Amino acid sequence: MEERDKQLWRIAKKRAEFKKHLASYVIINGFLWALWWITEGRDGFDDVFSAWPIWSTLGWGVGLAFSYYGAYHNSKEEDTIREYQKLKEKEGK
């Protein structure tokens, strides 16, 4: 397999893993919020932090944000190419 194909494969793999992570996040946190609503939520709550599913939603959400960044915005190869092009442009002036 060519080097470029290997890079594209790694990117595709990270994005597929992110999508699985996102689906798990939505399904499980949706279930936790529904469970909370059925058991306690219908009575109302004093503040947002009295709803216990907020902690899993926020904590897991941070991990999900890092997963998103790694899958869609953290391409070392593209960063290297951009820096190389900047250096070439400076050298050409």
PDB file of N, CA and C in Angstrom:
ATOM      1  N   MET A   1       0.847  -1.173   0.000  1.00  0.00           N
ATOM      2  CA  MET A   1       0.000   0.000   0.000  1.00  0.00           C
ATOM      3  C   MET A   1       0.895   1.239   0.000  1.00  0.00           C
ATOM      4  N   GLU A   2       0.533   2.215  -0.806  1.00  0.00           N
ATOM      5  CA  GLU A   2       1.317   3.451  -0.867  1.00  0.00           C
ATOM      6  C   GLU A   2       1.227   4.212   0.458  1.00  0.00           C
ATOM      7  N   GLU A   3       2.207   5.083   0.680  1.00  0.00           N
ATOM      8  CA  GLU A   3       2.235   5.867   1.917  1.00  0.00           C
ATOM      9  C   GLU A   3       0.993   6.749   2.033  1.00  0.00           C
ATOM     10  N   ARG A   4       0.599   7.379   0.925  1.00  0.00           N
ATOM     11  CA  ARG A   4      -0.589   8.249   0.957  1.00  0.00           C
ATOM     12  C   ARG A   4      -1.843   7.430   1.288  1.00  0.00           C
ATOM     13  N   ASP A   5      -1.942   6.232   0.739  1.00  0.00           N
ATOM     14  CA  ASP A   5      -3.082   5.368   1.045  1.00  0.00           C
ATOM     15  C   ASP A   5      -3.099   4.985   2.520  1.00  0.00           C
ATOM     16  N   LYS A   6      -1.936   4.758   3.103  1.00  0.00           N
ATOM     17  CA  LYS A   6      -1.851   4.440   4.526  1.00  0.00           C
ATOM     18  C   LYS A   6      -2.338   5.614   5.370  1.00  0.00           C
ATOM     19  N   GLN A   7      -1.959   6.833   4.967  1.00  0.00           N
ATOM     20  CA  GLN A   7      -2.395   8.026   5.698  1.00  0.00           C
ATOM     21  C   GLN A   7      -3.913   8.177   5.609  1.00  0.00           C
ATOM     22  N   LEU A   8      -4.459   7.988   4.405  1.00  0.00           N
ATOM     23  CA  LEU A   8      -5.906   8.092   4.225  1.00  0.00           C
ATOM     24  C   LEU A   8      -6.627   7.006   5.026  1.00  0.00           C
ATOM     25  N   TRP A   9      -6.033   5.815   5.091  1.00  0.00           N
ATOM     26  CA  TRP A   9      -6.621   4.723   5.863  1.00  0.00           C
ATOM     27  C   TRP A   9      -6.668   5.092   7.346  1.00  0.00           C
ATOM     28  N   ARG A  10      -5.591   5.676   7.870  1.00  0.00           N
ATOM     29  CA  ARG A  10      -5.555   6.080   9.281  1.00  0.00           C
ATOM     30  C   ARG A  10      -6.620   7.144   9.568  1.00  0.00           C
ATOM     31  N   ILE A  11      -6.751   8.111   8.659  1.00  0.00           N
ATOM     32  CA  ILE A  11      -7.751   9.160   8.838  1.00  0.00           C
ATOM     33  C   ILE A  11      -9.155   8.561   8.803  1.00  0.00           C
ATOM     34  N   ALA A  12      -9.409   7.682   7.825  1.00  0.00           N
ATOM     35  CA  ALA A  12     -10.728   7.047   7.714  1.00  0.00           C
ATOM     36  C   ALA A  12     -11.043   6.230   8.961  1.00  0.00           C
ATOM     37  N   LYS A  13     -10.047   5.534   9.498  1.00  0.00           N
ATOM     38  CA  LYS A  13     -10.241   4.726  10.697  1.00  0.00           C
ATOM     39  C   LYS A  13     -10.598   5.598  11.897  1.00  0.00           C
ATOM     40  N   LYS A  14      -9.889   6.723  12.069  1.00  0.00           N
ATOM     41  CA  LYS A  14     -10.185   7.637  13.179  1.00  0.00           C
ATOM     42  C   LYS A  14     -11.596   8.203  13.065  1.00  0.00           C
ATOM     43  N   ARG A  15     -12.006   8.553  11.841  1.00  0.00           N
ATOM     44  CA  ARG A  15     -13.340   9.122  11.655  1.00  0.00           C
ATOM     45  C   ARG A  15     -14.429   8.090  11.908  1.00  0.00           C
ATOM     46  N   ALA A  16     -14.203   6.850  11.478  1.00  0.00           N
ATOM     47  CA  ALA A  16     -15.174   5.789  11.742  1.00  0.00           C
ATOM     48  C   ALA A  16     -15.291   5.530  13.242  1.00  0.00           C
ATOM     49  N   GLU A  17     -14.149   5.532  13.946  1.00  0.00           N
ATOM     50  CA  GLU A  17     -14.170   5.340  15.400  1.00  0.00           C
ATOM     51  C   GLU A  17     -14.904   6.486  16.088  1.00  0.00           C
ATOM     52  N   PHE A  18     -14.717   7.717  15.602  1.00  0.00           N
ATOM     53  CA  PHE A  18     -15.431   8.852  16.180  1.00  0.00           C
ATOM     54  C   PHE A  18     -16.942   8.678  16.019  1.00  0.00           C
ATOM     55  N   LYS A  19     -17.368   8.257  14.840  1.00  0.00           N
ATOM     56  CA  LYS A  19     -18.804   8.083  14.595  1.00  0.00           C
ATOM     57  C   LYS A  19     -19.403   7.017  15.512  1.00  0.00           C
ATOM     58  N   LYS A  20     -18.667   5.939  15.765  1.00  0.00           N
ATOM     59  CA  LYS A  20     -19.129   4.918  16.715  1.00  0.00           C
ATOM     60  C   LYS A  20     -19.207   5.500  18.123  1.00  0.00           C
ATOM     61  N   HIS A  21     -18.191   6.279  18.490  1.00  0.00           N
ATOM     62  CA  HIS A  21     -18.140   6.928  19.804  1.00  0.00           C
ATOM     63  C   HIS A  21     -19.340   7.858  19.967  1.00  0.00           C
ATOM     64  N   LEU A  22     -19.641   8.639  18.930  1.00  0.00           N
ATOM     65  CA  LEU A  22     -20.770   9.569  18.974  1.00  0.00           C
ATOM     66  C   LEU A  22     -22.090   8.816  19.129  1.00  0.00           C
ATOM     67  N   ALA A  23     -22.261   7.734  18.385  1.00  0.00           N
ATOM     68  CA  ALA A  23     -23.494   6.950  18.486  1.00  0.00           C
ATOM     69  C   ALA A  23     -23.660   6.386  19.897  1.00  0.00           C
ATOM     70  N   SER A  24     -22.596   5.863  20.472  1.00  0.00           N
ATOM     71  CA  SER A  24     -22.653   5.339  21.842  1.00  0.00           C
ATOM     72  C   SER A  24     -23.021   6.440  22.827  1.00  0.00           C
ATOM     73  N   TYR A  25     -22.417   7.591  22.651  1.00  0.00           N
ATOM     74  CA  TYR A  25     -22.673   8.739  23.525  1.00  0.00           C
ATOM     75  C   TYR A  25     -24.158   9.120  23.495  1.00  0.00           C
ATOM     76  N   VAL A  26     -24.707   9.239  22.302  1.00  0.00           N
ATOM     77  CA  VAL A  26     -26.111   9.651  22.163  1.00  0.00           C
ATOM     78  C   VAL A  26     -27.047   8.597  22.752  1.00  0.00           C
ATOM     79  N   ILE A  27     -26.824   7.339  22.424  1.00  0.00           N
ATOM     80  CA  ILE A  27     -27.713   6.277  22.894  1.00  0.00           C
ATOM     81  C   ILE A  27     -27.654   6.122  24.408  1.00  0.00           C
ATOM     82  N   ILE A  28     -26.466   6.012  24.958  1.00  0.00           N
ATOM     83  CA  ILE A  28     -26.341   5.770  26.401  1.00  0.00           C
ATOM     84  C   ILE A  28     -26.766   6.985  27.212  1.00  0.00           C
ATOM     85  N   ASN A  29     -26.338   8.167  26.806  1.00  0.00           N
ATOM     86  CA  ASN A  29     -26.754   9.351  27.568  1.00  0.00           C
ATOM     87  C   ASN A  29     -28.244   9.617  27.403  1.00  0.00           C
ATOM     88  N   GLY A  30     -28.790   9.316  26.228  1.00  0.00           N
ATOM     89  CA  GLY A  30     -30.237   9.427  26.053  1.00  0.00           C
ATOM     90  C   GLY A  30     -30.984   8.506  27.009  1.00  0.00           C
ATOM     91  N   PHE A  31     -30.469   7.275  27.143  1.00  0.00           N
ATOM     92  CA  PHE A  31     -31.065   6.324  28.078  1.00  0.00           C
ATOM     93  C   PHE A  31     -30.967   6.835  29.521  1.00  0.00           C
ATOM     94  N   LEU A  32     -29.800   7.361  29.902  1.00  0.00           N
ATOM     95  CA  LEU A  32     -29.622   7.856  31.273  1.00  0.00           C
ATOM     96  C   LEU A  32     -30.556   9.026  31.567  1.00  0.00           C
ATOM     97  N   TRP A  33     -30.700   9.942  30.597  1.00  0.00           N
ATOM     98  CA  TRP A  33     -31.607  11.073  30.798  1.00  0.00           C
ATOM     99  C   TRP A  33     -33.055  10.603  30.878  1.00  0.00           C
ATOM    100  N   ALA A  34     -33.423   9.623  30.048  1.00  0.00           N
ATOM    101  CA  ALA A  34     -34.786   9.085  30.108  1.00  0.00           C
ATOM    102  C   ALA A  34     -35.032   8.407  31.450  1.00  0.00           C
ATOM    103  N   LEU A  35     -34.061   7.643  31.930  1.00  0.00           N
ATOM    104  CA  LEU A  35     -34.176   6.990  33.228  1.00  0.00           C
ATOM    105  C   LEU A  35     -34.333   8.022  34.338  1.00  0.00           C
ATOM    106  N   TRP A  36     -33.544   9.062  34.288  1.00  0.00           N
ATOM    107  CA  TRP A  36     -33.658  10.125  35.291  1.00  0.00           C
ATOM    108  C   TRP A  36     -35.031  10.783  35.218  1.00  0.00           C
ATOM    109  N   TRP A  37     -35.483  11.051  33.997  1.00  0.00           N
ATOM    110  CA  TRP A  37     -36.772  11.719  33.829  1.00  0.00           C
ATOM    111  C   TRP A  37     -37.908  10.863  34.397  1.00  0.00           C
ATOM    112  N   ILE A  38     -37.846   9.567  34.144  1.00  0.00           N
ATOM    113  CA  ILE A  38     -38.896   8.663  34.628  1.00  0.00           C
ATOM    114  C   ILE A  38     -38.876   8.565  36.148  1.00  0.00           C
ATOM    115  N   THR A  39     -37.678   8.510  36.739  1.00  0.00           N
ATOM    116  CA  THR A  39     -37.584   8.296  38.184  1.00  0.00           C
ATOM    117  C   THR A  39     -37.653   9.577  38.997  1.00  0.00           C
ATOM    118  N   GLU A  40     -37.048  10.646  38.519  1.00  0.00           N
ATOM    119  CA  GLU A  40     -36.965  11.864  39.335  1.00  0.00           C
ATOM    120  C   GLU A  40     -37.358  13.136  38.609  1.00  0.00           C
ATOM    121  N   GLY A  41     -37.143  13.184  37.340  1.00  0.00           N
ATOM    122  CA  GLY A  41     -37.239  14.427  36.585  1.00  0.00           C
ATOM    123  C   GLY A  41     -38.605  15.032  36.461  1.00  0.00           C
ATOM    124  N   ARG A  42     -39.628  14.201  36.496  1.00  0.00           N
ATOM    125  CA  ARG A  42     -40.978  14.739  36.348  1.00  0.00           C
ATOM    126  C   ARG A  42     -41.365  15.643  37.506  1.00  0.00           C
ATOM    127  N   ASP A  43     -40.723  15.454  38.633  1.00  0.00           N
ATOM    128  CA  ASP A  43     -41.004  16.289  39.807  1.00  0.00           C
ATOM    129  C   ASP A  43     -40.342  17.651  39.691  1.00  0.00           C
ATOM    130  N   GLY A  44     -39.483  17.824  38.700  1.00  0.00           N
ATOM    131  CA  GLY A  44     -38.739  19.063  38.561  1.00  0.00           C
ATOM    132  C   GLY A  44     -37.420  18.970  39.307  1.00  0.00           C
ATOM    133  N   PHE A  45     -36.606  19.993  39.155  1.00  0.00           N
ATOM    134  CA  PHE A  45     -35.329  20.004  39.872  1.00  0.00           C
ATOM    135  C   PHE A  45     -34.954  21.432  40.199  1.00  0.00           C
ATOM    136  N   ASP A  46     -34.193  21.560  41.281  1.00  0.00           N
ATOM    137  CA  ASP A  46     -33.831  22.884  41.771  1.00  0.00           C
ATOM    138  C   ASP A  46     -32.856  23.583  40.843  1.00  0.00           C
ATOM    139  N   ASP A  47     -31.843  22.866  40.428  1.00  0.00           N
ATOM    140  CA  ASP A  47     -30.865  23.420  39.501  1.00  0.00           C
ATOM    141  C   ASP A  47     -30.410  22.313  38.562  1.00  0.00           C
ATOM    142  N   VAL A  48     -29.697  22.700  37.528  1.00  0.00           N
ATOM    143  CA  VAL A  48     -29.304  21.736  36.498  1.00  0.00           C
ATOM    144  C   VAL A  48     -28.386  20.648  37.049  1.00  0.00           C
ATOM    145  N   PHE A  49     -27.618  20.944  38.078  1.00  0.00           N
ATOM    146  CA  PHE A  49     -26.676  19.964  38.613  1.00  0.00           C
ATOM    147  C   PHE A  49     -27.327  18.950  39.545  1.00  0.00           C
ATOM    148  N   SER A  50     -28.600  19.145  39.870  1.00  0.00           N
ATOM    149  CA  SER A  50     -29.297  18.126  40.655  1.00  0.00           C
ATOM    150  C   SER A  50     -29.726  16.956  39.760  1.00  0.00           C
ATOM    151  N   ALA A  51     -29.642  17.140  38.470  1.00  0.00           N
ATOM    152  CA  ALA A  51     -29.921  16.055  37.527  1.00  0.00           C
ATOM    153  C   ALA A  51     -28.636  15.251  37.358  1.00  0.00           C
ATOM    154  N   TRP A  52     -28.573  14.057  37.933  1.00  0.00           N
ATOM    155  CA  TRP A  52     -27.332  13.288  37.940  1.00  0.00           C
ATOM    156  C   TRP A  52     -26.787  12.919  36.570  1.00  0.00           C
ATOM    157  N   PRO A  53     -27.595  12.777  35.501  1.00  0.00           N
ATOM    158  CA  PRO A  53     -26.995  12.435  34.204  1.00  0.00           C
ATOM    159  C   PRO A  53     -26.115  13.543  33.612  1.00  0.00           C
ATOM    160  N   ILE A  54     -26.196  14.730  34.172  1.00  0.00           N
ATOM    161  CA  ILE A  54     -25.360  15.828  33.657  1.00  0.00           C
ATOM    162  C   ILE A  54     -23.880  15.485  33.767  1.00  0.00           C
ATOM    163  N   TRP A  55     -23.509  14.731  34.801  1.00  0.00           N
ATOM    164  CA  TRP A  55     -22.092  14.422  35.019  1.00  0.00           C
ATOM    165  C   TRP A  55     -21.548  13.480  33.960  1.00  0.00           C
ATOM    166  N   SER A  56     -22.313  12.462  33.596  1.00  0.00           N
ATOM    167  CA  SER A  56     -21.847  11.567  32.531  1.00  0.00           C
ATOM    168  C   SER A  56     -21.875  12.278  31.181  1.00  0.00           C
ATOM    169  N   THR A  57     -22.878  13.117  30.982  1.00  0.00           N
ATOM    170  CA  THR A  57     -22.986  13.847  29.717  1.00  0.00           C
ATOM    171  C   THR A  57     -21.810  14.800  29.551  1.00  0.00           C
ATOM    172  N   LEU A  58     -21.479  15.550  30.585  1.00  0.00           N
ATOM    173  CA  LEU A  58     -20.361  16.494  30.502  1.00  0.00           C
ATOM    174  C   LEU A  58     -19.012  15.777  30.433  1.00  0.00           C
ATOM    175  N   GLY A  59     -18.815  14.804  31.308  1.00  0.00           N
ATOM    176  CA  GLY A  59     -17.534  14.098  31.334  1.00  0.00           C
ATOM    177  C   GLY A  59     -17.243  13.366  30.037  1.00  0.00           C
ATOM    178  N   TRP A  60     -18.215  12.624  29.568  1.00  0.00           N
ATOM    179  CA  TRP A  60     -18.047  11.888  28.327  1.00  0.00           C
ATOM    180  C   TRP A  60     -17.972  12.850  27.145  1.00  0.00           C
ATOM    181  N   GLY A  61     -18.678  13.977  27.249  1.00  0.00           N
ATOM    182  CA  GLY A  61     -18.653  14.989  26.187  1.00  0.00           C
ATOM    183  C   GLY A  61     -17.262  15.553  25.960  1.00  0.00           C
ATOM    184  N   VAL A  62     -16.505  15.713  27.037  1.00  0.00           N
ATOM    185  CA  VAL A  62     -15.118  16.189  26.903  1.00  0.00           C
ATOM    186  C   VAL A  62     -14.301  15.167  26.107  1.00  0.00           C
ATOM    187  N   GLY A  63     -14.433  13.901  26.439  1.00  0.00           N
ATOM    188  CA  GLY A  63     -13.738  12.854  25.690  1.00  0.00           C
ATOM    189  C   GLY A  63     -14.176  12.816  24.237  1.00  0.00           C
ATOM    190  N   LEU A  64     -15.453  13.022  24.002  1.00  0.00           N
ATOM    191  CA  LEU A  64     -15.985  13.042  22.643  1.00  0.00           C
ATOM    192  C   LEU A  64     -15.416  14.215  21.845  1.00  0.00           C
ATOM    193  N   ALA A  65     -15.253  15.357  22.496  1.00  0.00           N
ATOM    194  CA  ALA A  65     -14.675  16.526  21.829  1.00  0.00           C
ATOM    195  C   ALA A  65     -13.232  16.247  21.404  1.00  0.00           C
ATOM    196  N   PHE A  66     -12.465  15.603  22.267  1.00  0.00           N
ATOM    197  CA  PHE A  66     -11.085  15.253  21.906  1.00  0.00           C
ATOM    198  C   PHE A  66     -11.066  14.235  20.758  1.00  0.00           C
ATOM    199  N   SER A  67     -11.990  13.300  20.787  1.00  0.00           N
ATOM    200  CA  SER A  67     -12.082  12.316  19.717  1.00  0.00           C
ATOM    201  C   SER A  67     -12.410  12.993  18.385  1.00  0.00           C
ATOM    202  N   TYR A  68     -13.321  13.958  18.419  1.00  0.00           N
ATOM    203  CA  TYR A  68     -13.673  14.718  17.209  1.00  0.00           C
ATOM    204  C   TYR A  68     -12.462  15.472  16.672  1.00  0.00           C
ATOM    205  N   TYR A  69     -11.761  16.145  17.559  1.00  0.00           N
ATOM    206  CA  TYR A  69     -10.583  16.902  17.136  1.00  0.00           C
ATOM    207  C   TYR A  69      -9.534  15.986  16.506  1.00  0.00           C
ATOM    208  N   GLY A  70      -9.302  14.856  17.120  1.00  0.00           N
ATOM    209  CA  GLY A  70      -8.324  13.910  16.592  1.00  0.00           C
ATOM    210  C   GLY A  70      -8.723  13.342  15.242  1.00  0.00           C
ATOM    211  N   ALA A  71     -10.019  13.191  15.014  1.00  0.00           N
ATOM    212  CA  ALA A  71     -10.495  12.598  13.769  1.00  0.00           C
ATOM    213  C   ALA A  71     -10.571  13.603  12.625  1.00  0.00           C
ATOM    214  N   TYR A  72     -10.895  14.851  12.931  1.00  0.00           N
ATOM    215  CA  TYR A  72     -11.171  15.806  11.859  1.00  0.00           C
ATOM    216  C   TYR A  72     -10.211  16.995  11.776  1.00  0.00           C
ATOM    217  N   HIS A  73      -9.432  17.261  12.809  1.00  0.00           N
ATOM    218  CA  HIS A  73      -8.607  18.472  12.789  1.00  0.00           C
ATOM    219  C   HIS A  73      -7.151  18.257  13.164  1.00  0.00           C
ATOM    220  N   ASN A  74      -6.751  17.064  13.428  1.00  0.00           N
ATOM    221  CA  ASN A  74      -5.395  16.833  13.907  1.00  0.00           C
ATOM    222  C   ASN A  74      -4.618  15.969  12.918  1.00  0.00           C
ATOM    223  N   SER A  75      -4.351  16.531  11.751  1.00  0.00           N
ATOM    224  CA  SER A  75      -3.613  15.789  10.738  1.00  0.00           C
ATOM    225  C   SER A  75      -2.177  16.304  10.695  1.00  0.00           C
ATOM    226  N   LYS A  76      -1.266  15.534  11.261  1.00  0.00           N
ATOM    227  CA  LYS A  76       0.138  15.942  11.292  1.00  0.00           C
ATOM    228  C   LYS A  76       0.703  16.067   9.890  1.00  0.00           C
ATOM    229  N   GLU A  77       0.245  15.212   8.979  1.00  0.00           N
ATOM    230  CA  GLU A  77       0.739  15.261   7.610  1.00  0.00           C
ATOM    231  C   GLU A  77       0.366  16.577   6.942  1.00  0.00           C
ATOM    232  N   GLU A  78      -0.899  16.992   7.117  1.00  0.00           N
ATOM    233  CA  GLU A  78      -1.342  18.250   6.518  1.00  0.00           C
ATOM    234  C   GLU A  78      -0.619  19.438   7.146  1.00  0.00           C
ATOM    235  N   ASP A  79      -0.395  19.401   8.447  1.00  0.00           N
ATOM    236  CA  ASP A  79       0.340  20.471   9.116  1.00  0.00           C
ATOM    237  C   ASP A  79       1.752  20.572   8.562  1.00  0.00           C
ATOM    238  N   THR A  80       2.383  19.447   8.358  1.00  0.00           N
ATOM    239  CA  THR A  80       3.750  19.424   7.820  1.00  0.00           C
ATOM    240  C   THR A  80       3.776  19.990   6.404  1.00  0.00           C
ATOM    241  N   ILE A  81       2.819  19.604   5.591  1.00  0.00           N
ATOM    242  CA  ILE A  81       2.748  20.119   4.216  1.00  0.00           C
ATOM    243  C   ILE A  81       2.547  21.625   4.219  1.00  0.00           C
ATOM    244  N   ARG A  82       1.656  22.128   5.073  1.00  0.00           N
ATOM    245  CA  ARG A  82       1.419  23.576   5.158  1.00  0.00           C
ATOM    246  C   ARG A  82       2.681  24.325   5.556  1.00  0.00           C
ATOM    247  N   GLU A  83       3.374  23.830   6.564  1.00  0.00           N
ATOM    248  CA  GLU A  83       4.613  24.479   7.007  1.00  0.00           C
ATOM    249  C   GLU A  83       5.673  24.446   5.910  1.00  0.00           C
ATOM    250  N   TYR A  84       5.762  23.346   5.207  1.00  0.00           N
ATOM    251  CA  TYR A  84       6.718  23.225   4.101  1.00  0.00           C
ATOM    252  C   TYR A  84       6.409  24.263   3.025  1.00  0.00           C
ATOM    253  N   GLN A  85       5.133  24.422   2.692  1.00  0.00           N
ATOM    254  CA  GLN A  85       4.747  25.396   1.675  1.00  0.00           C
ATOM    255  C   GLN A  85       5.049  26.826   2.127  1.00  0.00           C
ATOM    256  N   LYS A  86       4.850  27.120   3.398  1.00  0.00           N
ATOM    257  CA  LYS A  86       5.187  28.447   3.920  1.00  0.00           C
ATOM    258  C   LYS A  86       6.682  28.716   3.784  1.00  0.00           C
ATOM    259  N   LEU A  87       7.486  27.728   4.136  1.00  0.00           N
ATOM    260  CA  LEU A  87       8.938  27.894   4.027  1.00  0.00           C
ATOM    261  C   LEU A  87       9.368  28.070   2.575  1.00  0.00           C
ATOM    262  N   LYS A  88       8.748  27.347   1.674  1.00  0.00           N
ATOM    263  CA  LYS A  88       9.074  27.477   0.249  1.00  0.00           C
ATOM    264  C   LYS A  88       8.718  28.873  -0.248  1.00  0.00           C
ATOM    265  N   GLU A  89       7.589  29.401   0.192  1.00  0.00           N
ATOM    266  CA  GLU A  89       7.168  30.728  -0.221  1.00  0.00           C
ATOM    267  C   GLU A  89       8.144  31.785   0.300  1.00  0.00           C
ATOM    268  N   LYS A  90       8.587  31.660   1.556  1.00  0.00           N
ATOM    269  CA  LYS A  90       9.557  32.614   2.110  1.00  0.00           C
ATOM    270  C   LYS A  90      10.867  32.563   1.356  1.00  0.00           C
ATOM    271  N   GLU A  91      11.283  31.372   1.009  1.00  0.00           N
ATOM    272  CA  GLU A  91      12.542  31.186   0.309  1.00  0.00           C
ATOM    273  C   GLU A  91      12.481  31.785  -1.090  1.00  0.00           C
ATOM    274  N   GLY A  92      11.304  31.731  -1.714  1.00  0.00           N
ATOM    275  CA  GLY A  92      11.134  32.234  -3.072  1.00  0.00           C
ATOM    276  C   GLY A  92      11.113  33.748  -3.164  1.00  0.00           C
ATOM    277  N   LYS A  93      10.881  34.452  -2.069  1.00  0.00           N
ATOM    278  CA  LYS A  93      10.774  35.925  -2.088  1.00  0.00           C
ATOM    279  C   LYS A  93      12.110  36.588  -2.137  1.00  0.00           C
TER     280      LYS A  93
END
